[in-house]
Amino acid sequence: MAASSYWYGEASAFWVKGEPHLRQLPTELRHDLAHFPGEVTLLPFLSSDAERLALRHQLRELRWYNVFSGSFLRETLTGLRGWVNSAERLAQAVAQVEQASEFDLLGHSPYYRLVFDLIPHHTPRRCAVISTDSSGALTAAVMVSTVNALLRGDIAQGLHFADDVLMATQTFNDVVRLHPGTQIRQYLPDERLEEGKL
């Protein structure tokens, strides 16, 4: 199944040995997931972009999970599938999602977190964690960094994937400078975390 055969991605799928495997991974409930506080729900999802990265870097296996704190939001979103078909129902759905999110955040500060685990064959495992208090601010910081790269002439004319043309170190430095609420850490598991750059 090629990346172009579906629009955005597939739930419960993962990438292994050069192709996606559909409907293979279950939803998981975890109480001890590293970098995430409290009870979380893991929903496996293979996006077309993740598939592109797996092909580009010749990864043997790639698994991606959307992680939900608690269970209220996940259950609410599941219940809303196919239900929002009018402006009135959309307003009701927004209210339900907001309420569910507030229930799941009880006792926690709002956060958005990306965790990347790379397990090579012959070198030590590496992990990178991007934490922010606002996913919107993180996105805005990346956009500003990209515009600055364009103005400097670092990006050629045309349509590109960001990871093909942006310089990682420059982008990460820009992000933490533009939004102090974002932290970027990289480390080898079982060793001390090193903040600020990858």
C-alpha atoms as a PDB file:
ATOM      1  CA  MET A   1       0.000   0.000   0.000  1.00  0.00           C
ATOM      2  CA  ALA A   2       1.656   3.252  -1.113  1.00  0.00           C
ATOM      3  CA  ALA A   3       1.529   6.543   0.781  1.00  0.00           C
ATOM      4  CA  SER A   4      -0.664   8.046  -1.948  1.00  0.00           C
ATOM      5  CA  SER A   5      -3.390   5.416  -1.547  1.00  0.00           C
ATOM      6  CA  TYR A   6      -4.849   7.133   1.492  1.00  0.00           C
ATOM      7  CA  TRP A   7      -5.228  10.809   2.271  1.00  0.00           C
ATOM      8  CA  TYR A   8      -3.799  11.359   5.751  1.00  0.00           C
ATOM      9  CA  GLY A   9      -3.164   8.104   7.562  1.00  0.00           C
ATOM     10  CA  GLU A  10      -4.491   4.983   9.209  1.00  0.00           C
ATOM     11  CA  ALA A  11      -5.340   4.257  12.835  1.00  0.00           C
ATOM     12  CA  SER A  12      -3.887   1.105  14.425  1.00  0.00           C
ATOM     13  CA  ALA A  13      -1.215   0.886  11.710  1.00  0.00           C
ATOM     14  CA  PHE A  14       2.583   0.873  11.838  1.00  0.00           C
ATOM     15  CA  TRP A  15       5.494   0.675   9.402  1.00  0.00           C
ATOM     16  CA  VAL A  16       7.760  -2.340   9.162  1.00  0.00           C
ATOM     17  CA  LYS A  17      10.136  -3.716   6.520  1.00  0.00           C
ATOM     18  CA  GLY A  18       9.202  -1.203   3.839  1.00  0.00           C
ATOM     19  CA  GLU A  19       5.415  -1.227   4.079  1.00  0.00           C
ATOM     20  CA  PRO A  20       2.528  -0.296   6.368  1.00  0.00           C
ATOM     21  CA  HIS A  21       0.776  -2.967   8.404  1.00  0.00           C
ATOM     22  CA  LEU A  22      -2.853  -2.017   8.939  1.00  0.00           C
ATOM     23  CA  ARG A  23      -5.136  -2.756  11.908  1.00  0.00           C
ATOM     24  CA  GLN A  24      -2.281  -4.369  13.839  1.00  0.00           C
ATOM     25  CA  LEU A  25      -1.721  -2.268  16.971  1.00  0.00           C
ATOM     26  CA  PRO A  26      -4.235  -1.985  19.825  1.00  0.00           C
ATOM     27  CA  THR A  27      -5.093   1.080  21.861  1.00  0.00           C
ATOM     28  CA  GLU A  28      -3.182   0.980  25.152  1.00  0.00           C
ATOM     29  CA  LEU A  29      -3.905   2.355  28.612  1.00  0.00           C
ATOM     30  CA  ARG A  30      -0.693   3.159  30.527  1.00  0.00           C
ATOM     31  CA  HIS A  31       0.109   4.438  33.994  1.00  0.00           C
ATOM     32  CA  ASP A  32       3.901   4.457  33.642  1.00  0.00           C
ATOM     33  CA  LEU A  33       4.694   5.986  30.250  1.00  0.00           C
ATOM     34  CA  ALA A  34       7.996   7.885  30.353  1.00  0.00           C
ATOM     35  CA  HIS A  35       7.693  11.674  29.921  1.00  0.00           C
ATOM     36  CA  PHE A  36       3.911  11.669  30.468  1.00  0.00           C
ATOM     37  CA  PRO A  37       2.250  12.231  33.853  1.00  0.00           C
ATOM     38  CA  GLY A  38      -0.504  10.032  35.241  1.00  0.00           C
ATOM     39  CA  GLU A  39      -2.792   7.783  33.250  1.00  0.00           C
ATOM     40  CA  VAL A  40      -2.552   8.088  29.482  1.00  0.00           C
ATOM     41  CA  THR A  41      -4.134   6.415  26.478  1.00  0.00           C
ATOM     42  CA  LEU A  42      -1.981   5.538  23.456  1.00  0.00           C
ATOM     43  CA  LEU A  43      -3.680   5.510  20.057  1.00  0.00           C
ATOM     44  CA  PRO A  44      -1.462   4.114  17.271  1.00  0.00           C
ATOM     45  CA  PHE A  45      -1.616   6.065  14.031  1.00  0.00           C
ATOM     46  CA  LEU A  46       0.505   5.885  10.868  1.00  0.00           C
ATOM     47  CA  SER A  47       0.321   9.113   8.883  1.00  0.00           C
ATOM     48  CA  SER A  48       1.363   9.464   5.273  1.00  0.00           C
ATOM     49  CA  ASP A  49       4.081  11.865   6.458  1.00  0.00           C
ATOM     50  CA  ALA A  50       5.458   9.267   8.885  1.00  0.00           C
ATOM     51  CA  GLU A  51       5.478   6.752   6.050  1.00  0.00           C
ATOM     52  CA  ARG A  52       7.438   9.215   3.909  1.00  0.00           C
ATOM     53  CA  LEU A  53      10.021   9.641   6.662  1.00  0.00           C
ATOM     54  CA  ALA A  54      10.339   5.886   7.120  1.00  0.00           C
ATOM     55  CA  LEU A  55      11.046   5.503   3.403  1.00  0.00           C
ATOM     56  CA  ARG A  56      13.461   8.431   3.295  1.00  0.00           C
ATOM     57  CA  HIS A  57      15.542   7.198   6.232  1.00  0.00           C
ATOM     58  CA  GLN A  58      15.139   3.509   5.377  1.00  0.00           C
ATOM     59  CA  LEU A  59      13.747   2.719   8.808  1.00  0.00           C
ATOM     60  CA  ARG A  60      13.094  -0.937   9.470  1.00  0.00           C
ATOM     61  CA  GLU A  61      10.179  -0.097  11.775  1.00  0.00           C
ATOM     62  CA  LEU A  62       8.263   3.027  12.751  1.00  0.00           C
ATOM     63  CA  ARG A  63       5.493   3.297  15.332  1.00  0.00           C
ATOM     64  CA  TRP A  64       3.664   6.531  16.103  1.00  0.00           C
ATOM     65  CA  TYR A  65       1.168   7.055  18.908  1.00  0.00           C
ATOM     66  CA  ASN A  66      -1.171   9.904  19.758  1.00  0.00           C
ATOM     67  CA  VAL A  67      -1.100  10.142  23.563  1.00  0.00           C
ATOM     68  CA  PHE A  68      -4.125  11.375  25.514  1.00  0.00           C
ATOM     69  CA  SER A  69      -3.932  12.258  29.198  1.00  0.00           C
ATOM     70  CA  GLY A  70      -6.799  10.468  30.896  1.00  0.00           C
ATOM     71  CA  SER A  71      -9.707   9.001  28.968  1.00  0.00           C
ATOM     72  CA  PHE A  72     -12.476  11.626  28.817  1.00  0.00           C
ATOM     73  CA  LEU A  73     -11.301  13.377  25.632  1.00  0.00           C
ATOM     74  CA  ARG A  74     -10.579  10.136  23.797  1.00  0.00           C
ATOM     75  CA  GLU A  75     -14.004   8.728  24.657  1.00  0.00           C
ATOM     76  CA  THR A  76     -15.691  12.011  23.678  1.00  0.00           C
ATOM     77  CA  LEU A  77     -13.943  12.155  20.307  1.00  0.00           C
ATOM     78  CA  THR A  78     -14.829   8.528  19.638  1.00  0.00           C
ATOM     79  CA  GLY A  79     -18.474   9.250  20.394  1.00  0.00           C
ATOM     80  CA  LEU A  80     -18.521  12.235  18.023  1.00  0.00           C
ATOM     81  CA  ARG A  81     -17.478  10.297  14.900  1.00  0.00           C
ATOM     82  CA  GLY A  82     -20.015  10.912  12.166  1.00  0.00           C
ATOM     83  CA  TRP A  83     -22.177  12.938  14.542  1.00  0.00           C
ATOM     84  CA  VAL A  84     -21.103  16.495  13.673  1.00  0.00           C
ATOM     85  CA  ASN A  85     -23.077  17.387  10.542  1.00  0.00           C
ATOM     86  CA  SER A  86     -24.495  20.850  11.272  1.00  0.00           C
ATOM     87  CA  ALA A  87     -23.463  24.169  12.814  1.00  0.00           C
ATOM     88  CA  GLU A  88     -25.590  23.482  15.897  1.00  0.00           C
ATOM     89  CA  ARG A  89     -24.038  20.058  16.450  1.00  0.00           C
ATOM     90  CA  LEU A  90     -20.568  21.498  15.866  1.00  0.00           C
ATOM     91  CA  ALA A  91     -21.133  24.002  18.672  1.00  0.00           C
ATOM     92  CA  GLN A  92     -22.323  21.173  20.941  1.00  0.00           C
ATOM     93  CA  ALA A  93     -19.301  19.070  19.992  1.00  0.00           C
ATOM     94  CA  VAL A  94     -16.909  21.933  20.783  1.00  0.00           C
ATOM     95  CA  ALA A  95     -18.467  22.316  24.227  1.00  0.00           C
ATOM     96  CA  GLN A  96     -18.178  18.561  24.878  1.00  0.00           C
ATOM     97  CA  VAL A  97     -14.527  18.477  23.767  1.00  0.00           C
ATOM     98  CA  GLU A  98     -13.659  21.477  25.959  1.00  0.00           C
ATOM     99  CA  GLN A  99     -15.346  19.909  28.981  1.00  0.00           C
ATOM    100  CA  ALA A 100     -13.675  16.537  28.415  1.00  0.00           C
ATOM    101  CA  SER A 101     -10.275  18.221  28.083  1.00  0.00           C
ATOM    102  CA  GLU A 102     -10.802  20.054  31.363  1.00  0.00           C
ATOM    103  CA  PHE A 103     -11.670  16.775  33.113  1.00  0.00           C
ATOM    104  CA  ASP A 104      -8.536  15.081  31.773  1.00  0.00           C
ATOM    105  CA  LEU A 105      -6.349  18.024  32.848  1.00  0.00           C
ATOM    106  CA  LEU A 106      -7.555  18.074  36.452  1.00  0.00           C
ATOM    107  CA  GLY A 107      -4.434  18.166  38.615  1.00  0.00           C
ATOM    108  CA  HIS A 108      -2.110  18.855  35.645  1.00  0.00           C
ATOM    109  CA  SER A 109      -0.905  21.984  33.857  1.00  0.00           C
ATOM    110  CA  PRO A 110      -1.759  22.060  30.123  1.00  0.00           C
ATOM    111  CA  TYR A 111       1.046  20.666  27.986  1.00  0.00           C
ATOM    112  CA  TYR A 112       1.848  19.371  24.516  1.00  0.00           C
ATOM    113  CA  ARG A 113       4.713  16.906  24.150  1.00  0.00           C
ATOM    114  CA  LEU A 114       6.523  15.133  21.333  1.00  0.00           C
ATOM    115  CA  VAL A 115       8.766  12.192  22.220  1.00  0.00           C
ATOM    116  CA  PHE A 116      11.052  10.566  19.650  1.00  0.00           C
ATOM    117  CA  ASP A 117      12.848   7.296  20.386  1.00  0.00           C
ATOM    118  CA  LEU A 118      15.472   6.131  17.902  1.00  0.00           C
ATOM    119  CA  ILE A 119      16.806   2.602  18.358  1.00  0.00           C
ATOM    120  CA  PRO A 120      19.595   1.972  15.812  1.00  0.00           C
ATOM    121  CA  HIS A 121      21.071  -1.477  15.250  1.00  0.00           C
ATOM    122  CA  HIS A 122      24.684  -0.822  16.242  1.00  0.00           C
ATOM    123  CA  THR A 123      24.701   2.494  18.131  1.00  0.00           C
ATOM    124  CA  PRO A 124      23.173   3.600  21.458  1.00  0.00           C
ATOM    125  CA  ARG A 125      19.492   4.360  21.648  1.00  0.00           C
ATOM    126  CA  ARG A 126      18.692   8.093  21.488  1.00  0.00           C
ATOM    127  CA  CYS A 127      15.680  10.034  22.690  1.00  0.00           C
ATOM    128  CA  ALA A 128      14.481  13.584  22.042  1.00  0.00           C
ATOM    129  CA  VAL A 129      11.657  15.303  23.931  1.00  0.00           C
ATOM    130  CA  ILE A 130       9.955  18.520  22.844  1.00  0.00           C
ATOM    131  CA  SER A 131       7.704  19.957  25.551  1.00  0.00           C
ATOM    132  CA  THR A 132       5.634  23.112  25.315  1.00  0.00           C
ATOM    133  CA  ASP A 133       2.837  24.866  27.145  1.00  0.00           C
ATOM    134  CA  SER A 134       1.191  25.779  23.819  1.00  0.00           C
ATOM    135  CA  SER A 135       1.133  23.786  20.600  1.00  0.00           C
ATOM    136  CA  GLY A 136      -0.067  26.917  18.802  1.00  0.00           C
ATOM    137  CA  ALA A 137       2.938  28.919  20.012  1.00  0.00           C
ATOM    138  CA  LEU A 138       5.261  26.066  18.985  1.00  0.00           C
ATOM    139  CA  THR A 139       3.761  26.029  15.490  1.00  0.00           C
ATOM    140  CA  ALA A 140       4.045  29.819  15.250  1.00  0.00           C
ATOM    141  CA  ALA A 141       7.712  29.712  16.290  1.00  0.00           C
ATOM    142  CA  VAL A 142       8.483  27.149  13.581  1.00  0.00           C
ATOM    143  CA  MET A 143       6.675  29.320  11.025  1.00  0.00           C
ATOM    144  CA  VAL A 144       8.681  32.425  12.017  1.00  0.00           C
ATOM    145  CA  SER A 145      11.913  30.426  11.803  1.00  0.00           C
ATOM    146  CA  THR A 146      10.900  29.220   8.335  1.00  0.00           C
ATOM    147  CA  VAL A 147      10.109  32.749   7.128  1.00  0.00           C
ATOM    148  CA  ASN A 148      13.508  33.921   8.400  1.00  0.00           C
ATOM    149  CA  ALA A 149      15.175  31.067   6.502  1.00  0.00           C
ATOM    150  CA  LEU A 150      13.339  32.161   3.348  1.00  0.00           C
ATOM    151  CA  LEU A 151      14.424  35.778   3.844  1.00  0.00           C
ATOM    152  CA  ARG A 152      18.036  34.676   4.289  1.00  0.00           C
ATOM    153  CA  GLY A 153      17.855  32.703   1.055  1.00  0.00           C
ATOM    154  CA  ASP A 154      18.438  29.369   2.790  1.00  0.00           C
ATOM    155  CA  ILE A 155      15.464  27.785   0.998  1.00  0.00           C
ATOM    156  CA  ALA A 156      15.271  27.455  -2.774  1.00  0.00           C
ATOM    157  CA  GLN A 157      12.125  28.416  -4.668  1.00  0.00           C
ATOM    158  CA  GLY A 158       9.461  25.761  -4.951  1.00  0.00           C
ATOM    159  CA  LEU A 159       7.403  23.441  -2.794  1.00  0.00           C
ATOM    160  CA  HIS A 160       9.304  21.466  -0.145  1.00  0.00           C
ATOM    161  CA  PHE A 161       8.836  19.296   2.898  1.00  0.00           C
ATOM    162  CA  ALA A 162      10.149  21.217   5.907  1.00  0.00           C
ATOM    163  CA  ASP A 163      12.580  18.502   6.964  1.00  0.00           C
ATOM    164  CA  ASP A 164      14.133  18.571   3.483  1.00  0.00           C
ATOM    165  CA  VAL A 165      15.102  22.254   3.601  1.00  0.00           C
ATOM    166  CA  LEU A 166      15.197  23.550   7.193  1.00  0.00           C
ATOM    167  CA  MET A 167      18.425  23.334   9.195  1.00  0.00           C
ATOM    168  CA  ALA A 168      17.525  21.419  12.362  1.00  0.00           C
ATOM    169  CA  THR A 169      19.894  23.174  14.772  1.00  0.00           C
ATOM    170  CA  GLN A 170      18.899  26.645  13.554  1.00  0.00           C
ATOM    171  CA  THR A 171      15.194  25.810  13.739  1.00  0.00           C
ATOM    172  CA  PHE A 172      15.457  24.385  17.263  1.00  0.00           C
ATOM    173  CA  ASN A 173      17.466  27.384  18.470  1.00  0.00           C
ATOM    174  CA  ASP A 174      14.895  29.733  16.940  1.00  0.00           C
ATOM    175  CA  VAL A 175      12.006  27.891  18.573  1.00  0.00           C
ATOM    176  CA  VAL A 176      13.369  28.016  22.124  1.00  0.00           C
ATOM    177  CA  ARG A 177      14.333  31.680  21.642  1.00  0.00           C
ATOM    178  CA  LEU A 178      10.942  32.695  20.210  1.00  0.00           C
ATOM    179  CA  HIS A 179       8.865  30.750  22.728  1.00  0.00           C
ATOM    180  CA  PRO A 180      10.428  30.260  26.179  1.00  0.00           C
ATOM    181  CA  GLY A 181       7.556  27.906  27.042  1.00  0.00           C
ATOM    182  CA  THR A 182       9.112  25.290  24.740  1.00  0.00           C
ATOM    183  CA  GLN A 183      11.958  23.035  25.862  1.00  0.00           C
ATOM    184  CA  ILE A 184      13.921  20.689  23.619  1.00  0.00           C
ATOM    185  CA  ARG A 185      15.929  17.926  25.253  1.00  0.00           C
ATOM    186  CA  GLN A 186      17.996  15.090  23.910  1.00  0.00           C
ATOM    187  CA  TYR A 187      19.686  12.286  25.753  1.00  0.00           C
ATOM    188  CA  LEU A 188      20.821   8.717  25.754  1.00  0.00           C
ATOM    189  CA  PRO A 189      18.489   6.717  28.033  1.00  0.00           C
ATOM    190  CA  ASP A 190      19.886   6.222  31.551  1.00  0.00           C
ATOM    191  CA  GLU A 191      22.114   9.273  31.132  1.00  0.00           C
ATOM    192  CA  ARG A 192      21.534  12.866  32.242  1.00  0.00           C
ATOM    193  CA  LEU A 193      19.271  14.975  30.041  1.00  0.00           C
ATOM    194  CA  GLU A 194      20.903  17.677  27.944  1.00  0.00           C
ATOM    195  CA  GLU A 195      18.679  20.678  27.275  1.00  0.00           C
ATOM    196  CA  GLY A 196      18.406  23.148  24.444  1.00  0.00           C
ATOM    197  CA  LYS A 197      19.700  21.480  21.318  1.00  0.00           C
ATOM    198  CA  LEU A 198      19.722  18.282  19.306  1.00  0.00           C
END
